[in-house]
Amino acid sequence: MRLLYPEATLFCYNPLEAASMGAGMRRLSQSMLGALLNANIAYYDAINTADIDALRLMFSPTYPVSCIHSGAHPVFGLELIVATYERMFEHPGLPRLLVKEPLAQIYGECGVVVCQIDLSQMLLTGSNIFMLEDGIWKIVHHHTGLITDEGDTSAMLFRRYLN
């Protein structure tokens, strides 16, 4: 599997190994984390191409799903989430989302990707929570928020803490 984010920080936390591994952090195989990061890429690609069918498939059919778009109220349930994207895609000239500095973490069968999203005129922070279902990472929660200070981000602070 080709890792599409070579600059990404990849870590895994396994609570069963925490006692024997100090802080409990360990590097995971590129394939597992690569699959998580590639699922994250596929999600933003689906948004950039306004592909509603692909977006629908990105979300978990098994677990309850939720979404919080920047500046909006939480949305619960797949059909309501899909409706928010349909409304978003009705606006012509929607800027392309450029994902930067993804940080992937895996906790058992739960994966989290935190990243920055460049919208040309503004910078957002995004977090996507995935569950591993039949070997495929599926989104259970998406959240974005506006970054008002371009200073240190939590991802950068997290990287400093780990190094």
N, C-alpha and C. Protein backbone atom coordinates (compact mmCIF):
# COMPACT_ATOMS: atom_id res chain seq x y z
N MET A 1 0.84 -1.17 0.00
CA MET A 1 0.00 0.00 0.00
C MET A 1 0.89 1.24 0.00
N ARG A 2 0.59 2.19 -0.88
CA ARG A 2 1.35 3.42 -0.97
C ARG A 2 0.77 4.41 0.03
N LEU A 3 1.63 4.96 0.88
CA LEU A 3 1.19 5.94 1.85
C LEU A 3 1.16 7.30 1.18
N LEU A 4 -0.01 7.92 1.12
CA LEU A 4 -0.16 9.17 0.39
C LEU A 4 0.21 10.40 1.20
N TYR A 5 0.44 10.23 2.49
CA TYR A 5 0.85 11.33 3.35
C TYR A 5 2.22 10.99 3.94
N PRO A 6 3.30 11.15 3.20
CA PRO A 6 4.60 10.75 3.74
C PRO A 6 5.01 11.55 4.96
N GLU A 7 4.47 12.75 5.15
CA GLU A 7 4.85 13.58 6.29
C GLU A 7 3.99 13.30 7.52
N ALA A 8 3.05 12.38 7.42
CA ALA A 8 2.13 12.12 8.51
C ALA A 8 2.84 11.50 9.71
N THR A 9 2.30 11.78 10.88
CA THR A 9 2.79 11.15 12.10
C THR A 9 1.87 9.97 12.40
N LEU A 10 2.45 8.80 12.59
CA LEU A 10 1.68 7.58 12.73
C LEU A 10 1.98 6.91 14.06
N PHE A 11 0.98 6.77 14.88
CA PHE A 11 1.17 6.12 16.17
C PHE A 11 -0.01 5.24 16.49
N CYS A 12 0.19 4.31 17.38
CA CYS A 12 -0.87 3.44 17.85
C CYS A 12 -0.78 3.31 19.36
N TYR A 13 -1.92 3.29 20.00
CA TYR A 13 -1.97 3.06 21.44
C TYR A 13 -2.76 1.79 21.68
N ASN A 14 -2.18 0.86 22.35
CA ASN A 14 -2.86 -0.38 22.69
C ASN A 14 -2.87 -0.50 24.20
N PRO A 15 -4.02 -0.33 24.85
CA PRO A 15 -4.06 -0.33 26.31
C PRO A 15 -3.55 -1.62 26.93
N LEU A 16 -3.65 -2.74 26.22
CA LEU A 16 -3.18 -4.01 26.76
C LEU A 16 -1.66 -4.05 26.86
N GLU A 17 -0.98 -3.23 26.04
CA GLU A 17 0.47 -3.21 26.05
C GLU A 17 1.03 -2.03 26.85
N ALA A 18 0.18 -1.18 27.37
CA ALA A 18 0.63 0.04 28.04
C ALA A 18 1.59 -0.24 29.19
N ALA A 19 1.30 -1.26 29.97
CA ALA A 19 2.15 -1.55 31.14
C ALA A 19 3.56 -1.92 30.72
N SER A 20 3.69 -2.69 29.66
CA SER A 20 5.02 -3.15 29.24
C SER A 20 5.73 -2.16 28.33
N MET A 21 5.04 -1.14 27.86
CA MET A 21 5.64 -0.22 26.90
C MET A 21 5.77 1.20 27.44
N GLY A 22 5.78 1.39 28.71
CA GLY A 22 5.92 2.74 29.24
C GLY A 22 4.69 3.57 28.95
N ALA A 23 4.82 4.53 28.07
CA ALA A 23 3.71 5.43 27.74
C ALA A 23 2.64 4.75 26.89
N GLY A 24 2.93 3.55 26.39
CA GLY A 24 1.93 2.83 25.61
C GLY A 24 1.90 3.19 24.14
N MET A 25 2.82 4.04 23.69
CA MET A 25 2.84 4.42 22.28
C MET A 25 3.80 3.50 21.54
N ARG A 26 3.41 3.08 20.36
CA ARG A 26 4.30 2.28 19.53
C ARG A 26 4.01 2.54 18.08
N ARG A 27 5.00 2.41 17.28
CA ARG A 27 4.78 2.56 15.84
C ARG A 27 4.06 1.33 15.32
N LEU A 28 3.11 1.56 14.45
CA LEU A 28 2.34 0.48 13.84
C LEU A 28 2.84 0.21 12.44
N SER A 29 2.40 -0.86 11.87
CA SER A 29 2.79 -1.16 10.50
C SER A 29 2.23 -0.09 9.57
N GLN A 30 2.98 0.19 8.52
CA GLN A 30 2.54 1.18 7.55
C GLN A 30 1.21 0.79 6.92
N SER A 31 0.94 -0.52 6.79
CA SER A 31 -0.28 -0.92 6.10
C SER A 31 -1.53 -0.54 6.89
N MET A 32 -1.55 -0.75 8.20
CA MET A 32 -2.73 -0.43 9.01
C MET A 32 -2.95 1.08 9.08
N LEU A 33 -1.90 1.81 9.40
CA LEU A 33 -2.01 3.26 9.47
C LEU A 33 -2.17 3.88 8.09
N GLY A 34 -1.51 3.28 7.11
CA GLY A 34 -1.68 3.76 5.74
C GLY A 34 -3.12 3.63 5.28
N ALA A 35 -3.75 2.52 5.64
CA ALA A 35 -5.16 2.33 5.30
C ALA A 35 -6.04 3.38 5.98
N LEU A 36 -5.73 3.72 7.23
CA LEU A 36 -6.48 4.75 7.95
C LEU A 36 -6.30 6.10 7.27
N LEU A 37 -5.06 6.47 6.96
CA LEU A 37 -4.80 7.75 6.29
C LEU A 37 -5.41 7.78 4.90
N ASN A 38 -5.37 6.66 4.19
CA ASN A 38 -5.97 6.62 2.86
C ASN A 38 -7.49 6.72 2.93
N ALA A 39 -8.11 6.19 3.99
CA ALA A 39 -9.55 6.38 4.18
C ALA A 39 -9.85 7.86 4.40
N ASN A 40 -8.98 8.52 5.15
CA ASN A 40 -9.14 9.96 5.38
C ASN A 40 -9.01 10.74 4.07
N ILE A 41 -8.04 10.35 3.24
CA ILE A 41 -7.86 10.98 1.92
C ILE A 41 -9.11 10.76 1.06
N ALA A 42 -9.61 9.53 1.06
CA ALA A 42 -10.79 9.21 0.25
C ALA A 42 -11.99 10.06 0.67
N TYR A 43 -12.10 10.31 1.97
CA TYR A 43 -13.20 11.15 2.48
C TYR A 43 -13.11 12.56 1.89
N TYR A 44 -11.94 13.19 1.99
CA TYR A 44 -11.79 14.55 1.47
C TYR A 44 -11.84 14.58 -0.06
N ASP A 45 -11.38 13.53 -0.73
CA ASP A 45 -11.52 13.45 -2.18
C ASP A 45 -12.99 13.41 -2.58
N ALA A 46 -13.80 12.66 -1.82
CA ALA A 46 -15.23 12.59 -2.11
C ALA A 46 -15.88 13.96 -1.95
N ILE A 47 -15.44 14.72 -0.95
CA ILE A 47 -15.97 16.07 -0.78
C ILE A 47 -15.51 16.95 -1.95
N ASN A 48 -14.23 16.87 -2.30
CA ASN A 48 -13.70 17.72 -3.38
C ASN A 48 -14.34 17.42 -4.73
N THR A 49 -14.82 16.20 -4.93
CA THR A 49 -15.46 15.84 -6.19
C THR A 49 -16.99 15.81 -6.08
N ALA A 50 -17.51 16.23 -4.92
CA ALA A 50 -18.96 16.25 -4.67
C ALA A 50 -19.60 14.90 -4.96
N ASP A 51 -18.94 13.84 -4.51
CA ASP A 51 -19.40 12.47 -4.75
C ASP A 51 -20.22 11.97 -3.56
N ILE A 52 -21.51 12.21 -3.61
CA ILE A 52 -22.42 11.83 -2.52
C ILE A 52 -22.41 10.32 -2.28
N ASP A 53 -22.39 9.54 -3.35
CA ASP A 53 -22.39 8.07 -3.18
C ASP A 53 -21.15 7.60 -2.43
N ALA A 54 -19.99 8.15 -2.77
CA ALA A 54 -18.76 7.78 -2.07
C ALA A 54 -18.82 8.22 -0.61
N LEU A 55 -19.34 9.42 -0.36
CA LEU A 55 -19.46 9.90 1.03
C LEU A 55 -20.36 8.99 1.85
N ARG A 56 -21.46 8.58 1.27
CA ARG A 56 -22.39 7.69 1.97
C ARG A 56 -21.67 6.39 2.36
N LEU A 57 -20.82 5.87 1.49
CA LEU A 57 -20.10 4.64 1.78
C LEU A 57 -18.97 4.82 2.80
N MET A 58 -18.50 6.07 2.97
CA MET A 58 -17.41 6.33 3.91
C MET A 58 -17.87 6.20 5.37
N PHE A 59 -19.17 6.44 5.61
CA PHE A 59 -19.69 6.41 6.98
C PHE A 59 -20.11 5.00 7.37
N SER A 60 -20.01 4.71 8.66
CA SER A 60 -20.31 3.38 9.19
C SER A 60 -21.79 3.03 9.02
N PRO A 61 -22.06 1.83 8.51
CA PRO A 61 -23.43 1.35 8.49
C PRO A 61 -23.80 0.63 9.80
N THR A 62 -22.81 0.42 10.65
CA THR A 62 -22.98 -0.38 11.87
C THR A 62 -23.16 0.47 13.12
N TYR A 63 -22.32 1.49 13.27
CA TYR A 63 -22.33 2.33 14.46
C TYR A 63 -23.14 3.61 14.22
N PRO A 64 -23.65 4.23 15.30
CA PRO A 64 -24.29 5.54 15.13
C PRO A 64 -23.25 6.54 14.62
N VAL A 65 -23.63 7.40 13.70
CA VAL A 65 -22.71 8.36 13.11
C VAL A 65 -23.14 9.79 13.42
N SER A 66 -22.15 10.67 13.48
CA SER A 66 -22.42 12.08 13.76
C SER A 66 -21.43 12.96 13.01
N CYS A 67 -21.79 14.23 12.89
CA CYS A 67 -20.98 15.17 12.12
C CYS A 67 -21.20 16.57 12.67
N ILE A 68 -20.11 17.33 12.80
CA ILE A 68 -20.21 18.73 13.18
C ILE A 68 -19.38 19.53 12.19
N HIS A 69 -20.05 20.23 11.29
CA HIS A 69 -19.36 21.11 10.37
C HIS A 69 -19.04 22.41 11.10
N SER A 70 -17.97 23.06 10.69
CA SER A 70 -17.52 24.28 11.34
C SER A 70 -18.66 25.30 11.44
N GLY A 71 -18.91 25.75 12.66
CA GLY A 71 -19.93 26.76 12.90
C GLY A 71 -21.36 26.24 12.88
N ALA A 72 -21.54 24.94 12.82
CA ALA A 72 -22.89 24.37 12.72
C ALA A 72 -23.21 23.50 13.94
N HIS A 73 -24.48 23.19 14.08
CA HIS A 73 -24.91 22.30 15.14
C HIS A 73 -24.58 20.85 14.78
N PRO A 74 -24.47 19.98 15.76
CA PRO A 74 -24.22 18.56 15.48
C PRO A 74 -25.36 17.94 14.68
N VAL A 75 -25.01 17.01 13.81
CA VAL A 75 -25.98 16.28 13.01
C VAL A 75 -25.77 14.80 13.31
N PHE A 76 -26.87 14.08 13.52
CA PHE A 76 -26.81 12.67 13.87
C PHE A 76 -27.57 11.85 12.86
N GLY A 77 -27.01 10.73 12.43
CA GLY A 77 -27.67 9.83 11.49
C GLY A 77 -27.18 10.04 10.07
N LEU A 78 -27.00 8.95 9.37
CA LEU A 78 -26.42 8.98 8.03
C LEU A 78 -27.22 9.84 7.06
N GLU A 79 -28.53 9.69 7.03
CA GLU A 79 -29.32 10.43 6.05
C GLU A 79 -29.25 11.95 6.28
N LEU A 80 -29.27 12.37 7.54
CA LEU A 80 -29.15 13.81 7.82
C LEU A 80 -27.76 14.32 7.49
N ILE A 81 -26.74 13.51 7.74
CA ILE A 81 -25.37 13.91 7.40
C ILE A 81 -25.23 14.05 5.88
N VAL A 82 -25.73 13.08 5.14
CA VAL A 82 -25.66 13.14 3.68
C VAL A 82 -26.39 14.38 3.18
N ALA A 83 -27.51 14.72 3.79
CA ALA A 83 -28.26 15.92 3.39
C ALA A 83 -27.44 17.19 3.58
N THR A 84 -26.61 17.24 4.63
CA THR A 84 -25.76 18.43 4.82
C THR A 84 -24.76 18.57 3.68
N TYR A 85 -24.22 17.44 3.22
CA TYR A 85 -23.27 17.50 2.10
C TYR A 85 -23.99 17.85 0.81
N GLU A 86 -25.19 17.35 0.61
CA GLU A 86 -25.95 17.71 -0.59
C GLU A 86 -26.20 19.21 -0.64
N ARG A 87 -26.56 19.80 0.50
CA ARG A 87 -26.76 21.25 0.54
C ARG A 87 -25.45 21.98 0.28
N MET A 88 -24.35 21.46 0.84
CA MET A 88 -23.04 22.08 0.64
C MET A 88 -22.68 22.08 -0.85
N PHE A 89 -22.96 20.97 -1.53
CA PHE A 89 -22.57 20.84 -2.93
C PHE A 89 -23.44 21.67 -3.86
N GLU A 90 -24.56 22.18 -3.38
CA GLU A 90 -25.42 23.04 -4.20
C GLU A 90 -24.79 24.40 -4.45
N HIS A 91 -23.81 24.78 -3.64
CA HIS A 91 -23.16 26.08 -3.78
C HIS A 91 -22.04 26.01 -4.80
N PRO A 92 -22.16 26.79 -5.88
CA PRO A 92 -21.10 26.78 -6.89
C PRO A 92 -19.83 27.44 -6.32
N GLY A 93 -18.71 27.00 -6.82
CA GLY A 93 -17.45 27.60 -6.39
C GLY A 93 -16.98 27.16 -5.02
N LEU A 94 -17.46 26.03 -4.54
CA LEU A 94 -17.01 25.51 -3.25
C LEU A 94 -15.50 25.31 -3.33
N PRO A 95 -14.74 25.91 -2.41
CA PRO A 95 -13.27 25.79 -2.51
C PRO A 95 -12.81 24.35 -2.29
N ARG A 96 -11.72 24.02 -2.93
CA ARG A 96 -11.12 22.69 -2.77
C ARG A 96 -10.48 22.60 -1.39
N LEU A 97 -10.69 21.47 -0.73
CA LEU A 97 -10.11 21.23 0.59
C LEU A 97 -8.72 20.64 0.42
N LEU A 98 -7.73 21.28 1.01
CA LEU A 98 -6.36 20.78 0.97
C LEU A 98 -5.99 20.33 2.38
N VAL A 99 -5.78 19.04 2.55
CA VAL A 99 -5.47 18.48 3.87
C VAL A 99 -3.99 18.60 4.14
N LYS A 100 -3.67 19.09 5.36
CA LYS A 100 -2.27 19.27 5.76
C LYS A 100 -2.04 18.65 7.13
N GLU A 101 -0.82 18.23 7.36
CA GLU A 101 -0.36 17.74 8.66
C GLU A 101 -1.28 16.72 9.33
N PRO A 102 -1.63 15.64 8.62
CA PRO A 102 -2.48 14.64 9.28
C PRO A 102 -1.71 13.90 10.37
N LEU A 103 -2.41 13.63 11.44
CA LEU A 103 -1.86 12.85 12.56
C LEU A 103 -2.81 11.68 12.77
N ALA A 104 -2.32 10.46 12.58
CA ALA A 104 -3.16 9.27 12.71
C ALA A 104 -2.81 8.54 13.99
N GLN A 105 -3.85 8.11 14.69
CA GLN A 105 -3.69 7.34 15.91
C GLN A 105 -4.69 6.19 15.88
N ILE A 106 -4.26 5.03 16.37
CA ILE A 106 -5.16 3.88 16.41
C ILE A 106 -5.25 3.39 17.84
N TYR A 107 -6.49 3.15 18.27
CA TYR A 107 -6.78 2.64 19.61
C TYR A 107 -7.60 1.37 19.41
N GLY A 108 -6.95 0.23 19.33
CA GLY A 108 -7.68 -1.00 19.06
C GLY A 108 -8.30 -0.95 17.68
N GLU A 109 -9.64 -1.01 17.60
CA GLU A 109 -10.33 -0.95 16.30
C GLU A 109 -10.90 0.44 16.01
N CYS A 110 -10.44 1.43 16.75
CA CYS A 110 -10.84 2.82 16.54
C CYS A 110 -9.63 3.60 16.03
N GLY A 111 -9.82 4.35 14.97
CA GLY A 111 -8.77 5.19 14.42
C GLY A 111 -9.19 6.64 14.42
N VAL A 112 -8.24 7.53 14.70
CA VAL A 112 -8.51 8.96 14.72
C VAL A 112 -7.49 9.64 13.81
N VAL A 113 -7.98 10.52 12.95
CA VAL A 113 -7.09 11.34 12.14
C VAL A 113 -7.43 12.80 12.44
N VAL A 114 -6.42 13.55 12.87
CA VAL A 114 -6.55 14.98 13.12
C VAL A 114 -5.69 15.68 12.09
N CYS A 115 -6.22 16.71 11.46
CA CYS A 115 -5.47 17.40 10.41
C CYS A 115 -5.89 18.86 10.32
N GLN A 116 -5.16 19.59 9.50
CA GLN A 116 -5.56 20.94 9.13
C GLN A 116 -6.15 20.88 7.74
N ILE A 117 -7.11 21.76 7.47
CA ILE A 117 -7.78 21.80 6.18
C ILE A 117 -7.67 23.23 5.67
N ASP A 118 -6.94 23.40 4.58
CA ASP A 118 -6.74 24.72 3.99
C ASP A 118 -7.83 24.97 2.96
N LEU A 119 -8.61 26.03 3.20
CA LEU A 119 -9.69 26.40 2.27
C LEU A 119 -9.34 27.67 1.51
N SER A 120 -8.10 27.92 1.28
CA SER A 120 -7.53 29.09 0.59
C SER A 120 -7.69 30.39 1.39
N GLN A 121 -8.86 30.72 1.84
CA GLN A 121 -9.06 31.95 2.60
C GLN A 121 -9.14 31.72 4.10
N MET A 122 -9.22 30.47 4.51
CA MET A 122 -9.29 30.16 5.94
C MET A 122 -8.69 28.79 6.21
N LEU A 123 -8.33 28.59 7.47
CA LEU A 123 -7.73 27.33 7.89
C LEU A 123 -8.65 26.69 8.93
N LEU A 124 -8.97 25.42 8.70
CA LEU A 124 -9.80 24.66 9.63
C LEU A 124 -8.96 23.57 10.27
N THR A 125 -9.43 23.10 11.40
CA THR A 125 -8.89 21.87 11.96
C THR A 125 -9.97 20.81 11.81
N GLY A 126 -9.56 19.62 11.48
CA GLY A 126 -10.52 18.55 11.29
C GLY A 126 -10.15 17.33 12.09
N SER A 127 -11.16 16.63 12.55
CA SER A 127 -10.92 15.34 13.20
C SER A 127 -11.95 14.37 12.66
N ASN A 128 -11.45 13.20 12.32
CA ASN A 128 -12.31 12.13 11.82
C ASN A 128 -12.05 10.90 12.67
N ILE A 129 -13.12 10.33 13.19
CA ILE A 129 -13.02 9.12 14.00
C ILE A 129 -13.57 7.98 13.17
N PHE A 130 -12.78 6.93 13.06
CA PHE A 130 -13.11 5.77 12.25
C PHE A 130 -13.22 4.53 13.13
N MET A 131 -14.03 3.58 12.71
CA MET A 131 -14.06 2.25 13.31
C MET A 131 -13.69 1.26 12.21
N LEU A 132 -12.92 0.26 12.59
CA LEU A 132 -12.53 -0.78 11.64
C LEU A 132 -13.66 -1.79 11.54
N GLU A 133 -14.23 -1.90 10.34
CA GLU A 133 -15.35 -2.81 10.10
C GLU A 133 -15.02 -3.73 8.93
N ASP A 134 -14.89 -5.00 9.21
CA ASP A 134 -14.53 -5.98 8.17
C ASP A 134 -13.28 -5.55 7.41
N GLY A 135 -12.30 -5.01 8.14
CA GLY A 135 -11.03 -4.62 7.54
C GLY A 135 -11.04 -3.28 6.83
N ILE A 136 -12.15 -2.53 6.93
CA ILE A 136 -12.27 -1.23 6.25
C ILE A 136 -12.54 -0.16 7.29
N TRP A 137 -11.81 0.95 7.22
CA TRP A 137 -12.03 2.07 8.13
C TRP A 137 -13.27 2.84 7.71
N LYS A 138 -14.25 2.96 8.61
CA LYS A 138 -15.50 3.67 8.34
C LYS A 138 -15.65 4.83 9.33
N ILE A 139 -16.09 5.97 8.86
CA ILE A 139 -16.24 7.16 9.72
C ILE A 139 -17.44 6.99 10.64
N VAL A 140 -17.22 7.30 11.92
CA VAL A 140 -18.33 7.36 12.87
C VAL A 140 -18.56 8.79 13.34
N HIS A 141 -17.53 9.65 13.19
CA HIS A 141 -17.70 11.05 13.58
C HIS A 141 -16.73 11.92 12.79
N HIS A 142 -17.25 13.03 12.28
CA HIS A 142 -16.45 14.05 11.59
C HIS A 142 -16.70 15.38 12.27
N HIS A 143 -15.63 16.15 12.46
CA HIS A 143 -15.77 17.47 13.09
C HIS A 143 -14.75 18.41 12.48
N THR A 144 -15.18 19.61 12.14
CA THR A 144 -14.26 20.66 11.70
C THR A 144 -14.53 21.92 12.51
N GLY A 145 -13.49 22.71 12.67
CA GLY A 145 -13.61 23.98 13.37
C GLY A 145 -12.62 24.97 12.79
N LEU A 146 -12.98 26.22 12.82
CA LEU A 146 -12.14 27.28 12.29
C LEU A 146 -10.94 27.53 13.21
N ILE A 147 -9.77 27.63 12.63
CA ILE A 147 -8.57 27.99 13.38
C ILE A 147 -8.44 29.50 13.30
N THR A 148 -8.49 30.15 14.42
CA THR A 148 -8.40 31.61 14.43
C THR A 148 -7.00 32.10 14.74
N ASP A 149 -6.14 31.22 15.25
CA ASP A 149 -4.76 31.56 15.56
C ASP A 149 -3.86 30.58 14.83
N GLU A 150 -2.99 31.09 13.96
CA GLU A 150 -2.13 30.20 13.18
C GLU A 150 -0.85 29.83 13.92
N GLY A 151 -0.83 29.98 15.23
CA GLY A 151 0.32 29.58 16.03
C GLY A 151 0.38 28.08 16.14
N ASP A 152 0.97 27.59 17.22
CA ASP A 152 1.09 26.15 17.45
C ASP A 152 -0.26 25.46 17.39
N THR A 153 -0.31 24.33 16.71
CA THR A 153 -1.51 23.52 16.71
C THR A 153 -1.31 22.37 17.67
N SER A 154 -2.39 21.73 18.07
CA SER A 154 -2.28 20.60 18.98
C SER A 154 -1.47 19.47 18.36
N ALA A 155 -1.57 19.29 17.04
CA ALA A 155 -0.80 18.23 16.39
C ALA A 155 0.69 18.49 16.53
N MET A 156 1.08 19.76 16.34
CA MET A 156 2.49 20.09 16.50
C MET A 156 2.93 19.88 17.94
N LEU A 157 2.10 20.28 18.88
CA LEU A 157 2.43 20.08 20.29
C LEU A 157 2.52 18.60 20.62
N PHE A 158 1.62 17.81 20.06
CA PHE A 158 1.62 16.37 20.29
C PHE A 158 2.91 15.75 19.76
N ARG A 159 3.33 16.19 18.56
CA ARG A 159 4.58 15.67 17.99
C ARG A 159 5.75 16.01 18.89
N ARG A 160 5.78 17.23 19.41
CA ARG A 160 6.88 17.63 20.32
C ARG A 160 6.89 16.79 21.57
N TYR A 161 5.71 16.49 22.09
CA TYR A 161 5.60 15.69 23.30
C TYR A 161 6.14 14.28 23.08
N LEU A 162 5.89 13.71 21.90
CA LEU A 162 6.31 12.34 21.62
C LEU A 162 7.79 12.24 21.32
N ASN A 163 8.40 13.29 20.80
CA ASN A 163 9.82 13.23 20.41
C ASN A 163 10.75 13.54 21.55
